[in-house]
Amino acid sequence: MSTPSSVRIVDSADVSPDAAIGDGSSVWHLAQVREQAVLGENCVIGRGAYIGTGVRLGDNCKVQNYALVYEPAVLADGVFIGPAVVLTNDTYPRAVNPDGSLKSAHDWEPVGVTIREGAAVGARAVCVAPVTIGAWSTIAAGAVVTKDVPDFALMAGVPARRIGWVGRAGHRLVADGDGWRCPETGTRYIETDGVLREMSENV
């Protein structure tokens, strides 16, 4: 796979020649990007981060220092992965088979974490595959996500539970009449049966 000349890969990074790195992206010190990984345009891979084989990132993603993104994770455009986040891929982890033999790649099937547009996962959070993280949601630092997350949800705790809603700007929404409002942008949202949508979607 070819790498555009505008891509910045520092000398200490380990980037497979079979990975595709989008225009304007940066891979920093000691990061590893494995075979068949695909990074969109303007992505930033921080120091010591790991991007597994075949992982796919959209445009404008940030994977902060020492985050571990295991295959077959899929990140949409504008996803933020905080420092030391882990996206797992093994539902029933074992080093050995029941007969005591060392597990090989043929003895288990990886499952992935899917993260929708604009979502953010805070530092040291763990997403236990298979889960889907909804668009524009926020996972608090240190949370452990074990179930799918709705769009715009604010999740915290172990296991993670929804403690509120956030808007596209990442700020916690405030109650506003029969709906919710972003204190940063003024955008209004309405909640129906546990699903939050921007008011413009319902006009």
Protein backbone atom coordinates (compact mmCIF):
# COMPACT_ATOMS: atom_id res chain seq x y z
CA MET A 1 0.00 0.00 0.00
CA SER A 2 1.30 3.49 -0.79
CA THR A 3 1.88 6.26 1.73
CA PRO A 4 1.36 9.91 0.67
CA SER A 5 4.37 12.20 0.98
CA SER A 6 2.46 14.44 3.43
CA VAL A 7 2.33 11.64 6.03
CA ARG A 8 4.65 12.04 9.04
CA ILE A 9 6.07 8.81 10.48
CA VAL A 10 8.87 9.26 13.01
CA ASP A 11 11.88 6.96 12.84
CA SER A 12 11.05 5.00 16.00
CA ALA A 13 7.52 4.11 14.84
CA ASP A 14 6.87 0.63 13.43
CA VAL A 15 4.50 0.96 10.48
CA SER A 16 3.91 -2.03 8.24
CA PRO A 17 4.49 -1.42 4.54
CA ASP A 18 1.13 -3.17 4.07
CA ALA A 19 -0.70 -0.47 6.07
CA ALA A 20 -2.43 2.47 4.35
CA ILE A 21 -1.87 5.87 5.97
CA GLY A 22 -4.05 8.74 4.79
CA ASP A 23 -2.87 12.15 3.67
CA GLY A 24 -1.88 14.49 6.49
CA SER A 25 -1.69 11.77 9.16
CA SER A 26 1.05 11.46 11.81
CA VAL A 27 2.44 8.39 13.58
CA TRP A 28 4.56 9.29 16.59
CA HIS A 29 7.39 7.71 18.58
CA LEU A 30 7.24 3.96 19.31
CA ALA A 31 3.74 3.58 17.85
CA GLN A 32 2.97 0.41 15.91
CA VAL A 33 0.61 0.16 12.94
CA ARG A 34 0.11 -3.42 11.77
CA GLU A 35 -0.50 -5.04 8.40
CA GLN A 36 -3.62 -4.08 6.41
CA ALA A 37 -4.51 -1.33 8.90
CA VAL A 38 -6.16 1.64 7.18
CA LEU A 39 -5.92 5.17 8.57
CA GLY A 40 -7.93 7.97 7.02
CA GLU A 41 -6.74 11.51 6.39
CA ASN A 42 -5.38 13.73 9.18
CA CYS A 43 -5.21 11.01 11.83
CA VAL A 44 -2.83 11.27 14.79
CA ILE A 45 -1.38 8.12 16.37
CA GLY A 46 0.32 8.98 19.68
CA ARG A 47 3.47 7.68 21.32
CA GLY A 48 3.44 3.95 22.01
CA ALA A 49 -0.05 3.42 20.59
CA TYR A 50 -0.93 0.12 18.90
CA ILE A 51 -3.14 -0.23 15.82
CA GLY A 52 -3.89 -3.89 15.11
CA THR A 53 -3.95 -5.83 11.87
CA GLY A 54 -6.78 -4.70 9.61
CA VAL A 55 -8.07 -1.99 11.99
CA ARG A 56 -9.85 0.80 10.13
CA LEU A 57 -9.87 4.47 11.14
CA GLY A 58 -11.85 7.19 9.41
CA ASP A 59 -10.62 10.74 8.82
CA ASN A 60 -9.55 13.08 11.64
CA CYS A 61 -9.19 10.42 14.35
CA LYS A 62 -6.89 10.85 17.35
CA VAL A 63 -5.43 7.84 19.15
CA GLN A 64 -3.54 9.13 22.17
CA ASN A 65 -0.37 7.77 23.82
CA TYR A 66 -0.24 4.06 24.69
CA ALA A 67 -3.78 3.28 23.56
CA LEU A 68 -4.31 -0.27 22.29
CA VAL A 69 -6.71 -0.66 19.36
CA TYR A 70 -6.99 -4.38 18.65
CA GLU A 71 -8.36 -5.84 15.44
CA PRO A 72 -10.97 -5.89 14.04
CA ALA A 73 -11.92 -2.49 15.51
CA VAL A 74 -13.57 0.07 13.22
CA LEU A 75 -13.48 3.79 14.07
CA ALA A 76 -15.57 6.29 12.11
CA ASP A 77 -14.56 9.88 11.31
CA GLY A 78 -13.57 12.16 14.17
CA VAL A 79 -13.18 9.53 16.90
CA PHE A 80 -11.03 10.37 19.95
CA ILE A 81 -9.25 7.58 21.83
CA GLY A 82 -7.68 8.78 25.09
CA PRO A 83 -4.35 7.76 26.61
CA ALA A 84 -4.02 4.07 27.58
CA VAL A 85 -7.50 3.15 26.31
CA VAL A 86 -7.95 -0.53 25.43
CA LEU A 87 -10.32 -1.82 22.75
CA THR A 88 -10.36 -5.57 23.35
CA ASN A 89 -11.01 -8.36 20.85
CA ASP A 90 -11.30 -11.65 22.77
CA THR A 91 -14.61 -12.56 24.43
CA TYR A 92 -13.24 -15.63 26.20
CA PRO A 93 -9.52 -14.92 26.72
CA ARG A 94 -7.22 -17.83 27.42
CA ALA A 95 -3.51 -18.39 26.80
CA VAL A 96 -4.10 -22.14 26.43
CA ASN A 97 -6.75 -24.53 25.13
CA PRO A 98 -8.64 -26.86 27.52
CA ASP A 99 -6.01 -29.55 26.83
CA GLY A 100 -3.25 -27.22 27.99
CA SER A 101 -1.80 -26.57 24.53
CA LEU A 102 -0.83 -23.01 23.67
CA LYS A 103 -3.58 -21.18 21.80
CA SER A 104 -2.77 -20.17 18.24
CA ALA A 105 -4.50 -17.73 15.89
CA HIS A 106 -6.63 -20.64 14.62
CA ASP A 107 -8.03 -21.42 18.09
CA TRP A 108 -10.08 -18.26 18.54
CA GLU A 109 -11.91 -15.66 16.48
CA PRO A 110 -11.35 -11.97 17.23
CA VAL A 111 -14.38 -9.72 17.71
CA GLY A 112 -14.19 -5.96 17.41
CA VAL A 113 -15.26 -2.67 18.91
CA THR A 114 -17.13 -0.32 16.56
CA ILE A 115 -17.05 3.40 17.34
CA ARG A 116 -19.35 5.78 15.49
CA GLU A 117 -18.66 9.33 14.28
CA GLY A 118 -17.36 11.90 16.75
CA ALA A 119 -17.38 9.67 19.83
CA ALA A 120 -14.74 10.04 22.55
CA VAL A 121 -13.30 7.39 24.86
CA GLY A 122 -11.57 8.81 27.95
CA ALA A 123 -8.19 7.88 29.37
CA ARG A 124 -7.70 4.29 30.59
CA ALA A 125 -11.24 3.27 29.65
CA VAL A 126 -11.75 -0.29 28.42
CA CYS A 127 -14.26 -1.28 25.75
CA VAL A 128 -14.97 -5.03 25.95
CA ALA A 129 -15.75 -6.40 22.50
CA PRO A 130 -18.12 -6.86 20.88
CA VAL A 131 -19.68 -3.45 21.56
CA THR A 132 -20.74 -0.45 19.50
CA ILE A 133 -20.08 3.06 20.82
CA GLY A 134 -22.70 5.48 19.51
CA ALA A 135 -22.02 8.67 17.58
CA TRP A 136 -20.94 11.72 19.60
CA SER A 137 -21.08 9.78 22.87
CA THR A 138 -18.48 10.20 25.62
CA ILE A 139 -16.97 7.40 27.68
CA ALA A 140 -15.58 8.75 30.96
CA ALA A 141 -12.00 8.06 32.00
CA GLY A 142 -11.57 4.67 33.62
CA ALA A 143 -14.97 3.33 32.55
CA VAL A 144 -15.45 -0.28 31.44
CA VAL A 145 -17.94 -0.57 28.58
CA THR A 146 -19.62 -3.97 28.31
CA LYS A 147 -22.80 -3.08 26.40
CA ASP A 148 -23.67 -1.01 23.33
CA VAL A 149 -23.73 2.75 23.93
CA PRO A 150 -26.46 5.04 22.48
CA ASP A 151 -25.65 8.12 20.42
CA PHE A 152 -24.87 11.18 22.58
CA ALA A 153 -24.68 9.12 25.80
CA LEU A 154 -22.38 10.07 28.68
CA MET A 155 -21.13 6.82 30.19
CA ALA A 156 -19.18 6.29 33.42
CA GLY A 157 -18.39 3.58 35.94
CA VAL A 158 -17.54 -0.12 36.13
CA PRO A 159 -19.47 -1.44 34.36
CA ALA A 160 -20.29 1.76 32.48
CA ARG A 161 -23.79 3.18 32.81
CA ARG A 162 -25.38 6.21 31.21
CA ILE A 163 -25.24 9.16 33.62
CA GLY A 164 -26.38 11.85 31.20
CA TRP A 165 -26.25 13.12 27.65
CA VAL A 166 -23.63 15.12 25.73
CA GLY A 167 -23.81 17.16 22.54
CA ARG A 168 -21.46 17.32 19.58
CA ALA A 169 -19.23 19.77 21.47
CA GLY A 170 -18.74 17.21 24.25
CA HIS A 171 -20.44 19.27 26.96
CA ARG A 172 -23.03 17.66 29.21
CA LEU A 173 -26.55 18.63 28.14
CA VAL A 174 -28.86 20.51 30.49
CA ALA A 175 -32.60 20.04 30.84
CA ASP A 176 -34.56 22.58 28.77
CA GLY A 177 -38.33 22.31 28.94
CA ASP A 178 -39.36 18.95 27.50
CA GLY A 179 -35.91 18.39 25.96
CA TRP A 180 -32.20 19.01 26.41
CA ARG A 181 -29.85 21.83 25.39
CA CYS A 182 -26.11 22.07 24.83
CA PRO A 183 -24.74 24.91 26.99
CA GLU A 184 -21.88 25.43 24.53
CA THR A 185 -23.67 25.56 21.16
CA GLY A 186 -27.30 26.08 22.15
CA THR A 187 -28.37 23.09 20.07
CA ARG A 188 -31.53 21.43 21.40
CA TYR A 189 -32.17 17.71 21.62
CA ILE A 190 -35.20 15.58 22.32
CA GLU A 191 -35.27 12.20 24.04
CA THR A 192 -37.71 9.50 23.01
CA ASP A 193 -37.67 6.05 24.62
CA GLY A 194 -34.03 6.38 25.62
CA VAL A 195 -32.90 7.67 22.22
CA LEU A 196 -31.59 11.23 21.88
CA ARG A 197 -31.80 13.19 18.63
CA GLU A 198 -31.03 16.72 17.58
CA MET A 199 -34.21 18.74 17.15
CA SER A 200 -33.35 19.45 13.52
CA GLU A 201 -33.66 15.69 12.82
CA ASN A 202 -37.29 15.72 13.91
CA VAL A 203 -38.55 18.79 12.08
